[in-house]
Protein backbone atom coordinates (compact mmCIF):
# COMPACT_ATOMS: atom_id res chain seq x y z
CA MET A 1 -23.25 -2.39 2.66
CA ALA A 2 -24.41 -5.23 0.52
CA GLN A 3 -22.16 -7.96 -0.77
CA PRO A 4 -22.91 -9.66 -4.09
CA LEU A 5 -24.64 -13.01 -3.98
CA PRO A 6 -22.57 -15.99 -5.16
CA GLY A 7 -22.33 -16.00 -8.93
CA MET A 8 -23.33 -12.34 -9.28
CA LYS A 9 -20.94 -9.94 -10.99
CA PRO A 10 -20.35 -6.78 -8.92
CA ARG A 11 -21.34 -3.53 -10.61
CA PRO A 12 -18.99 -0.54 -10.54
CA ASP A 13 -21.81 1.64 -9.16
CA GLN A 14 -22.26 -0.45 -6.01
CA ALA A 15 -20.19 -0.55 -2.82
CA LEU A 16 -18.92 -3.86 -1.46
CA SER A 17 -17.54 -4.44 2.02
CA LEU A 18 -16.46 -7.08 4.49
CA ASN A 19 -15.14 -6.15 7.94
CA MET A 20 -14.41 -2.58 6.82
CA LYS A 21 -16.72 0.31 7.69
CA LEU A 22 -16.68 3.64 5.84
CA LEU A 23 -16.26 6.49 8.32
CA SER A 24 -15.92 9.36 5.87
CA HIS A 25 -15.18 10.32 2.28
CA HIS A 26 -13.60 13.55 1.02
CA GLU A 27 -13.31 14.56 -2.65
CA LEU A 28 -10.44 16.98 -1.88
CA GLN A 29 -12.05 20.08 -3.30
CA GLY A 30 -12.63 18.55 -6.69
CA PHE A 31 -9.05 17.33 -7.13
CA GLY A 32 -9.47 13.74 -6.02
CA GLY A 33 -6.83 12.07 -8.18
CA ILE A 34 -4.15 10.87 -5.74
CA GLY A 35 -0.91 9.05 -6.52
CA GLU A 36 1.02 6.68 -4.28
CA GLY A 37 2.33 9.09 -1.68
CA MET A 38 0.68 9.09 1.76
CA GLY A 39 2.25 10.17 5.03
CA MET A 40 0.83 11.09 8.43
CA GLN A 41 2.20 13.88 10.58
CA LEU A 42 1.52 14.09 14.32
CA SER A 43 1.68 17.86 14.52
CA ARG A 44 2.96 19.84 17.48
CA ASP A 45 -0.53 21.10 18.30
CA GLY A 46 -1.90 17.55 18.58
CA ARG A 47 -3.52 17.22 15.16
CA ARG A 48 -3.14 14.32 12.75
CA ILE A 49 -2.34 15.63 9.29
CA LEU A 50 -2.47 13.23 6.35
CA TRP A 51 -0.30 14.38 3.43
CA LEU A 52 -1.23 13.16 -0.05
CA ALA A 53 0.71 13.40 -3.33
CA HIS A 54 -1.43 13.90 -6.42
CA GLU A 55 -1.38 11.55 -9.40
CA SER A 56 -0.97 14.40 -11.88
CA ALA A 57 -1.16 18.16 -12.44
CA PRO A 58 -2.44 20.68 -11.63
CA LYS A 59 -2.10 19.82 -7.92
CA ASN A 60 1.13 18.94 -6.13
CA PHE A 61 0.10 17.78 -2.65
CA THR A 62 -2.83 18.12 -0.27
CA ALA A 63 -2.86 18.02 3.53
CA VAL A 64 -5.97 16.74 5.33
CA ASP A 65 -6.68 17.05 9.04
CA VAL A 66 -7.93 13.57 10.04
CA THR A 67 -7.83 14.07 13.81
CA ASP A 68 -11.55 13.39 13.71
CA PRO A 69 -11.71 10.56 11.14
CA LYS A 70 -15.41 11.16 10.60
CA ASN A 71 -14.83 14.78 9.63
CA PRO A 72 -11.66 15.16 7.52
CA ARG A 73 -10.76 18.72 6.55
CA VAL A 74 -8.36 20.05 3.90
CA VAL A 75 -5.83 22.43 5.45
CA VAL A 76 -3.67 23.16 2.40
CA GLN A 77 -3.53 22.22 -1.29
CA THR A 78 -0.61 23.25 -3.50
CA GLU A 79 0.04 23.68 -7.22
CA LEU A 80 2.60 22.15 -9.56
CA PRO A 81 4.61 24.55 -11.76
CA HIS A 82 3.36 23.08 -15.05
CA ALA A 83 1.28 20.26 -16.52
CA LYS A 84 4.20 18.03 -17.54
CA VAL A 85 5.35 17.12 -14.03
CA ARG A 86 3.81 14.97 -11.31
CA SER A 87 4.62 14.56 -7.63
CA ASN A 88 3.09 11.06 -7.08
CA SER A 89 5.22 10.12 -4.02
CA LEU A 90 5.98 11.62 -0.61
CA ASP A 91 7.05 10.64 2.91
CA VAL A 92 6.91 12.45 6.25
CA VAL A 93 9.29 12.32 9.24
CA GLY A 94 8.40 14.63 12.08
CA ASP A 95 8.00 18.09 10.57
CA VAL A 96 9.92 17.35 7.36
CA MET A 97 8.37 16.05 4.15
CA ALA A 98 10.11 14.73 1.02
CA VAL A 99 8.16 15.05 -2.25
CA ALA A 100 9.18 13.39 -5.53
CA TYR A 101 8.96 15.05 -8.95
CA GLN A 102 8.88 13.15 -12.23
CA THR A 103 8.48 14.83 -15.61
CA SER A 104 6.58 13.36 -18.54
CA ALA A 105 9.69 13.55 -20.76
CA VAL A 106 13.44 13.54 -20.21
CA ASN A 107 15.54 16.68 -19.91
CA ALA A 108 12.83 18.74 -18.19
CA LYS A 109 12.46 20.36 -14.77
CA PRO A 110 11.62 20.15 -11.92
CA ALA A 111 12.86 16.56 -11.77
CA GLY A 112 14.12 15.38 -8.40
CA PHE A 113 12.71 15.88 -4.92
CA ASP A 114 11.90 18.73 -2.55
CA LEU A 115 12.23 18.88 1.22
CA PHE A 116 9.59 20.91 3.04
CA ASP A 117 9.31 22.19 6.60
CA ILE A 118 5.72 21.34 7.56
CA GLY A 119 5.91 22.51 11.17
CA LYS A 120 2.99 24.77 10.26
CA PRO A 121 0.89 22.47 8.06
CA GLU A 122 -1.12 25.35 6.61
CA ASN A 123 2.10 26.92 5.31
CA PRO A 124 4.64 24.35 4.03
CA ARG A 125 8.04 25.97 3.57
CA LEU A 126 10.54 24.77 0.95
CA ILE A 127 13.89 23.82 2.50
CA SER A 128 15.75 22.57 -0.56
CA HIS A 129 15.48 20.91 -3.97
CA PHE A 130 17.58 17.95 -5.09
CA ASP A 131 17.97 18.11 -8.87
CA ALA A 132 17.91 14.78 -10.72
CA SER A 133 17.16 16.19 -14.17
CA GLY A 134 19.27 15.35 -17.20
CA GLU A 135 19.43 14.38 -20.84
CA HIS A 136 18.14 10.86 -20.10
CA SER A 137 16.32 11.50 -16.81
CA ARG A 138 12.66 12.08 -15.90
CA GLY A 139 13.60 12.61 -12.26
CA VAL A 140 12.21 10.73 -9.24
CA HIS A 141 9.25 8.37 -9.26
CA ALA A 142 9.20 7.20 -5.63
CA VAL A 143 10.88 8.24 -2.37
CA TRP A 144 11.42 6.37 0.91
CA PHE A 145 12.16 8.72 3.80
CA VAL A 146 11.58 7.31 7.30
CA ASP A 147 14.61 8.10 9.46
CA GLY A 148 15.09 11.83 8.90
CA GLU A 149 18.60 11.18 7.58
CA TYR A 150 18.47 9.56 4.13
CA VAL A 151 16.15 9.65 1.16
CA HIS A 152 16.16 6.36 -0.75
CA MET A 153 14.61 6.71 -4.18
CA ALA A 154 13.93 5.46 -7.67
CA SER A 155 15.50 8.12 -9.83
CA GLY A 156 17.26 9.08 -12.99
CA ALA A 157 20.44 11.16 -12.96
CA PRO A 158 22.21 13.63 -15.26
CA ASP A 159 25.19 11.26 -15.62
CA PHE A 160 23.20 8.06 -16.25
CA GLN A 161 22.39 6.91 -19.77
CA PRO A 162 20.23 3.77 -19.87
CA THR A 163 20.76 1.11 -22.51
CA ASN A 164 17.00 1.22 -23.06
CA PRO A 165 14.90 4.36 -22.42
CA ALA A 166 12.54 2.30 -20.24
CA ASP A 167 15.42 1.57 -17.80
CA ASP A 168 15.95 5.19 -16.79
CA GLN A 169 15.36 5.03 -13.01
CA PHE A 170 17.64 3.23 -10.57
CA TYR A 171 18.32 3.15 -6.81
CA ARG A 172 19.92 6.27 -5.32
CA ILE A 173 20.71 7.21 -1.71
CA VAL A 174 20.76 10.88 -0.70
CA ASP A 175 22.05 12.18 2.63
CA VAL A 176 19.66 14.83 4.00
CA ARG A 177 21.13 15.21 7.47
CA LYS A 178 21.89 18.75 6.31
CA PRO A 179 18.46 19.31 4.79
CA ALA A 180 19.46 22.53 3.06
CA LYS A 181 22.21 20.66 1.19
CA PRO A 182 21.10 17.14 0.18
CA GLU A 183 23.96 15.09 -1.25
CA GLU A 184 24.04 11.75 -3.05
CA VAL A 185 26.11 9.15 -1.22
CA GLY A 186 25.38 5.95 -3.14
CA ARG A 187 23.65 4.30 -6.08
CA TRP A 188 23.00 0.89 -7.61
CA TRP A 189 21.52 -0.24 -10.89
CA LEU A 190 20.80 -3.64 -12.35
CA PRO A 191 23.91 -4.60 -14.32
CA GLY A 192 23.35 -4.31 -18.06
CA THR A 193 20.96 -1.35 -17.85
CA ARG A 194 23.54 1.42 -18.25
CA VAL A 195 25.45 2.29 -21.40
CA GLY A 196 28.99 1.06 -20.93
CA ASP A 197 28.12 -1.90 -18.68
CA SER A 198 30.08 -5.03 -19.49
CA THR A 199 27.10 -7.20 -18.53
CA PRO A 200 25.13 -8.43 -21.57
CA LEU A 201 21.84 -6.75 -22.39
CA LEU A 202 18.90 -8.23 -20.52
CA ALA A 203 16.15 -10.13 -22.30
CA ARG A 204 12.87 -8.20 -22.52
CA HIS A 205 9.38 -9.56 -21.93
CA PRO A 206 7.92 -10.12 -25.42
CA LYS A 207 4.60 -8.44 -24.59
CA PHE A 208 4.78 -6.68 -21.21
CA ASP A 209 8.11 -4.88 -21.02
CA SER A 210 7.78 -2.16 -18.37
CA GLY A 211 11.51 -1.55 -18.01
CA TYR A 212 14.33 -2.68 -15.77
CA ARG A 213 14.05 0.17 -13.29
CA ALA A 214 13.55 0.69 -9.60
CA HIS A 215 10.23 1.43 -7.95
CA ASN A 216 9.95 1.15 -4.14
CA THR A 217 13.29 1.29 -2.30
CA ASN A 218 12.52 0.36 1.30
CA VAL A 219 15.00 0.45 4.20
CA PHE A 220 13.97 -0.36 7.79
CA PRO A 221 15.64 0.22 11.18
CA GLN A 222 15.54 -3.53 11.91
CA ARG A 223 18.08 -3.97 9.08
CA PRO A 224 19.55 -0.57 8.19
CA ASP A 225 22.17 -2.43 6.15
CA ARG A 226 19.55 -3.76 3.70
CA ALA A 227 17.50 -2.16 0.93
CA TYR A 228 14.45 -4.02 -0.36
CA VAL A 229 13.84 -2.89 -3.93
CA GLY A 230 11.06 -3.62 -6.37
CA TYR A 231 12.79 -3.48 -9.76
CA ILE A 232 9.73 -3.66 -12.07
CA SER A 233 10.68 -6.04 -14.92
CA GLY A 234 13.78 -6.96 -12.94
CA GLY A 235 11.91 -8.59 -10.04
CA ALA A 236 12.70 -8.31 -6.32
CA VAL A 237 16.16 -7.22 -5.20
CA ILE A 238 17.85 -7.22 -1.78
CA LEU A 239 20.93 -5.03 -1.44
CA ASP A 240 23.62 -4.80 1.22
CA ILE A 241 23.96 -1.07 1.95
CA ALA A 242 26.18 -1.29 5.03
CA ASP A 243 28.56 0.81 2.93
CA LYS A 244 26.11 3.22 1.33
CA ALA A 245 28.70 4.30 -1.20
CA ARG A 246 28.98 0.75 -2.54
CA PRO A 247 25.69 -1.19 -2.41
CA LYS A 248 26.12 -4.90 -3.14
CA LEU A 249 23.63 -7.44 -4.45
CA VAL A 250 22.49 -10.00 -1.85
CA ALA A 251 19.55 -11.61 -3.65
CA HIS A 252 17.64 -11.28 -6.89
CA TRP A 253 14.32 -13.03 -7.43
CA ARG A 254 12.99 -12.59 -10.95
CA TYR A 255 9.75 -14.19 -12.15
CA SER A 256 9.10 -12.29 -15.39
CA PRO A 257 8.92 -13.89 -17.87
CA PRO A 258 6.81 -16.04 -17.71
CA TYR A 259 4.78 -13.73 -15.46
CA THR A 260 3.92 -10.23 -16.65
CA GLY A 261 6.31 -8.42 -14.33
CA PHE A 262 6.23 -4.98 -12.72
CA THR A 263 7.53 -5.81 -9.26
CA HIS A 264 6.44 -2.85 -7.16
CA THR A 265 7.02 -3.41 -3.43
CA VAL A 266 9.24 -5.75 -1.39
CA LEU A 267 8.01 -5.70 2.21
CA PRO A 268 10.09 -7.69 4.74
CA LEU A 269 8.45 -9.31 7.77
CA PHE A 270 11.59 -9.48 9.86
CA GLY A 271 10.23 -11.54 12.72
CA ARG A 272 9.10 -14.27 10.38
CA GLY A 273 11.76 -14.47 7.67
CA LEU A 274 9.23 -13.57 4.97
CA LEU A 275 8.90 -11.08 2.14
CA ILE A 276 5.57 -9.80 0.84
CA VAL A 277 6.12 -8.85 -2.80
CA SER A 278 3.49 -6.95 -4.76
CA ASP A 279 3.14 -6.51 -8.50
CA GLU A 280 1.50 -3.50 -10.11
CA CYS A 281 -1.24 -3.81 -12.68
CA VAL A 282 -0.58 -1.23 -15.43
CA TYR A 283 -3.06 -2.19 -18.17
CA PRO A 284 -6.86 -1.89 -18.17
CA ASP A 285 -9.39 -4.68 -18.62
CA GLY A 286 -7.17 -7.40 -17.17
CA LYS A 287 -4.76 -7.39 -20.13
CA ASP A 288 -1.72 -8.01 -17.90
CA TRP A 289 -3.43 -10.40 -15.47
CA PRO A 290 -2.33 -11.98 -13.17
CA LYS A 291 -1.00 -9.17 -11.00
CA LEU A 292 -0.36 -10.78 -7.65
CA VAL A 293 0.90 -10.37 -4.12
CA TRP A 294 3.46 -13.06 -3.38
CA VAL A 295 4.56 -14.57 -0.05
CA VAL A 296 8.27 -15.40 -0.24
CA ASP A 297 10.35 -17.43 2.20
CA ALA A 298 13.49 -15.36 2.87
CA ARG A 299 14.96 -17.19 5.85
CA LEU A 300 18.01 -17.73 3.65
CA GLU A 301 18.00 -14.24 2.16
CA SER A 302 20.36 -15.16 -0.65
CA ASN A 303 17.81 -17.68 -1.94
CA PRO A 304 14.23 -16.30 -1.73
CA VAL A 305 11.59 -18.94 -2.48
CA PRO A 306 7.93 -18.12 -3.29
CA ILE A 307 5.51 -20.21 -1.23
CA SER A 308 2.05 -18.71 -1.91
CA THR A 309 0.06 -15.81 -3.32
CA PHE A 310 -2.82 -13.83 -1.84
CA PRO A 311 -6.26 -15.11 -2.88
CA LEU A 312 -8.07 -12.62 -5.09
CA PRO A 313 -11.64 -12.45 -6.36
CA PRO A 314 -12.15 -13.91 -9.84
CA VAL A 315 -10.70 -11.70 -12.53
CA GLU A 316 -13.92 -12.08 -14.47
CA ALA A 317 -15.80 -10.28 -11.70
CA PHE A 318 -13.74 -7.07 -11.74
CA ALA A 319 -11.42 -6.81 -14.72
CA ARG A 320 -13.90 -5.39 -17.20
CA ASN A 321 -15.66 -2.92 -14.93
CA GLY A 322 -13.35 -0.19 -16.24
CA GLY A 323 -9.71 0.66 -15.54
CA ARG A 324 -7.16 -1.59 -13.86
CA PHE A 325 -7.69 -4.60 -11.63
CA GLY A 326 -4.84 -6.28 -9.79
CA ALA A 327 -2.21 -5.72 -7.11
CA HIS A 328 -0.52 -2.39 -6.41
CA ASN A 329 0.47 -0.71 -3.13
CA LEU A 330 0.77 -2.24 0.34
CA HIS A 331 0.70 -0.62 3.74
CA GLU A 332 4.42 -0.88 4.41
CA ASN A 333 4.73 -0.98 8.22
CA LEU A 334 6.47 2.38 8.12
CA PRO A 335 8.79 2.83 11.12
CA VAL A 336 7.18 6.10 12.21
CA PRO A 337 4.95 6.74 15.27
CA SER A 338 1.73 7.24 13.28
CA SER A 339 1.93 3.94 11.36
CA TRP A 340 0.26 0.66 12.29
CA LYS A 341 2.62 -2.29 12.14
CA SER A 342 1.68 -5.94 11.70
CA GLU A 343 3.41 -9.09 10.52
CA ASP A 344 0.16 -11.07 10.47
CA VAL A 345 -2.22 -8.78 8.56
CA ILE A 346 -1.29 -7.16 5.25
CA VAL A 347 -3.44 -4.43 3.69
CA GLY A 348 -3.16 -3.52 0.01
CA THR A 349 -4.89 -1.71 -2.85
CA PHE A 350 -6.09 -3.45 -6.00
CA PHE A 351 -7.42 -0.61 -8.19
CA GLY A 352 -10.91 -1.75 -9.24
CA GLY A 353 -10.74 -4.48 -6.58
CA GLY A 354 -10.68 -1.88 -3.83
CA VAL A 355 -8.67 -2.13 -0.61
CA ARG A 356 -8.21 -5.61 0.89
CA ALA A 357 -6.74 -7.14 4.04
CA PHE A 358 -5.17 -10.58 4.33
CA ASP A 359 -4.23 -12.80 7.25
CA VAL A 360 -0.78 -14.30 6.60
CA SER A 361 -0.35 -16.01 9.97
CA ASN A 362 -0.18 -19.22 7.91
CA PRO A 363 2.11 -18.06 5.09
CA TYR A 364 1.28 -21.10 2.97
CA GLN A 365 -2.44 -20.27 3.03
CA PRO A 366 -3.11 -16.52 3.19
CA ARG A 367 -6.76 -15.67 3.87
CA GLU A 368 -8.72 -12.61 2.85
CA ILE A 369 -10.37 -11.18 5.97
CA ALA A 370 -11.63 -7.73 4.95
CA TYR A 371 -12.25 -5.51 1.94
CA PHE A 372 -13.92 -2.32 0.82
CA VAL A 373 -14.75 -1.47 -2.78
CA PRO A 374 -16.35 1.97 -3.16
CA PRO A 375 -18.68 2.75 -6.03
CA ALA A 376 -17.25 4.49 -9.08
CA PRO A 377 -16.52 8.18 -8.45
CA LYS A 378 -18.80 10.46 -10.43
CA LEU A 379 -16.05 12.07 -12.51
CA SER A 380 -13.71 9.08 -12.93
CA ARG A 381 -12.61 8.53 -16.50
CA ALA A 382 -12.04 4.84 -15.68
CA GLY A 383 -15.71 4.15 -14.98
CA SER A 384 -14.90 2.32 -11.75
CA ILE A 385 -13.09 2.92 -8.48
CA GLN A 386 -9.28 2.80 -8.86
CA LEU A 387 -7.87 2.65 -5.34
CA ASN A 388 -4.20 3.52 -5.67
CA ASP A 389 -2.56 3.56 -2.23
CA VAL A 390 -3.26 2.80 1.43
CA TYR A 391 -2.03 3.94 4.82
CA VAL A 392 -3.05 2.38 8.14
CA ASP A 393 -2.48 4.52 11.22
CA ASP A 394 -1.73 3.49 14.79
CA ARG A 395 -5.47 3.64 15.55
CA ARG A 396 -5.97 0.85 12.95
CA LEU A 397 -7.85 3.28 10.73
CA VAL A 398 -7.42 2.69 7.00
CA TYR A 399 -6.92 5.61 4.61
CA THR A 400 -7.14 4.86 0.91
CA VAL A 401 -7.25 7.05 -2.19
CA ASP A 402 -8.60 6.95 -5.72
CA ARG A 403 -6.28 7.44 -8.68
CA PHE A 404 -8.52 9.70 -10.74
CA ALA A 405 -11.34 11.49 -8.95
CA GLY A 406 -12.66 9.84 -5.78
CA GLY A 407 -10.28 11.43 -3.30
CA LEU A 408 -9.88 10.07 0.24
CA TYR A 409 -11.80 7.26 1.97
CA VAL A 410 -11.40 6.72 5.73
CA LEU A 411 -12.29 3.23 6.96
CA GLU A 412 -12.43 1.30 10.19
CA MET A 413 -11.30 -2.33 10.16
CA THR A 414 -13.62 -4.42 12.31
CA ILE A 415 -11.48 -7.56 12.37
């Protein structure tokens, strides 16, 4: 695939690539708008099933057989109960899948998460529903479920009233060791975001206030006593969860303002004492630029220090092609058998900037080493590709999805 010549502006109708080869593309039966939930199941019969949460109604989730990456095949696609709820996020452990549900307004249902038995991928069976609905709650935006025992999530709650409506989702821990009876065991919110807090109200960004609320809530087996939380306008948070009933703040790195905020993912590289912290672009046409991926020195975890950012193509080249352009999801080194794990190469999605891979072996000078930018999907309302999430499997195959219409792209990294 051709790359643009120096000085040329890429067009949204052309594909761009470097060290990534397209193996296949699937539009998911005409419902190609996928959120930020991707999980791979190694099924009992030897298949690889990629589970995808949809960005919005009418679809809930889709399962794709990617055993042959050149010939992906949909095995099941499910419906949401109504148009004012989205699933957006899911995770898979063995034959159990957790799926998040967030409503478009507070005090609506279903708002929470479901657990499914996916032992027979063609026939997912509901095990239980955890209800997070309430007068001030939209439910669950993102789940982290990697150990089969606890769901960590960004969620509202029936007994939580935020000081500002934009601060409605916080960190909750739910015990699912009895999957038919999930039970909350702990929670933490940024002080000052709940009615009744003694902490003073937090200052808001004058132009880009996306809320002091949790997004990704990652916990890894290397440090099961730590939660790494992207807290949107609140920055990056590290929590001590050795006592899950009483999480305690270890570190808080906030860089908005002056930056435009929306801290999305905090990915620890344990062997190197680093954090990779991604923002999320949430405005079209580069209005909230820069949206970056930061490299943070966390050797002294109580004092995280930013040392570099990932190099990105010029904003002028992509920002006005339609839709968003800037950082979003990272492949998160999930501690499950199907996931590729690397502390030297980080892969992320950048909406209109496609999917990109970076060498961070020198953390002070990250290098871009691969990318793939598909052409605009035919039915995309953005007018350009909007790659939303990425998953890299243990075969080093890259799976990435479009937010609106493009569906699934399966790529081979040739680095």
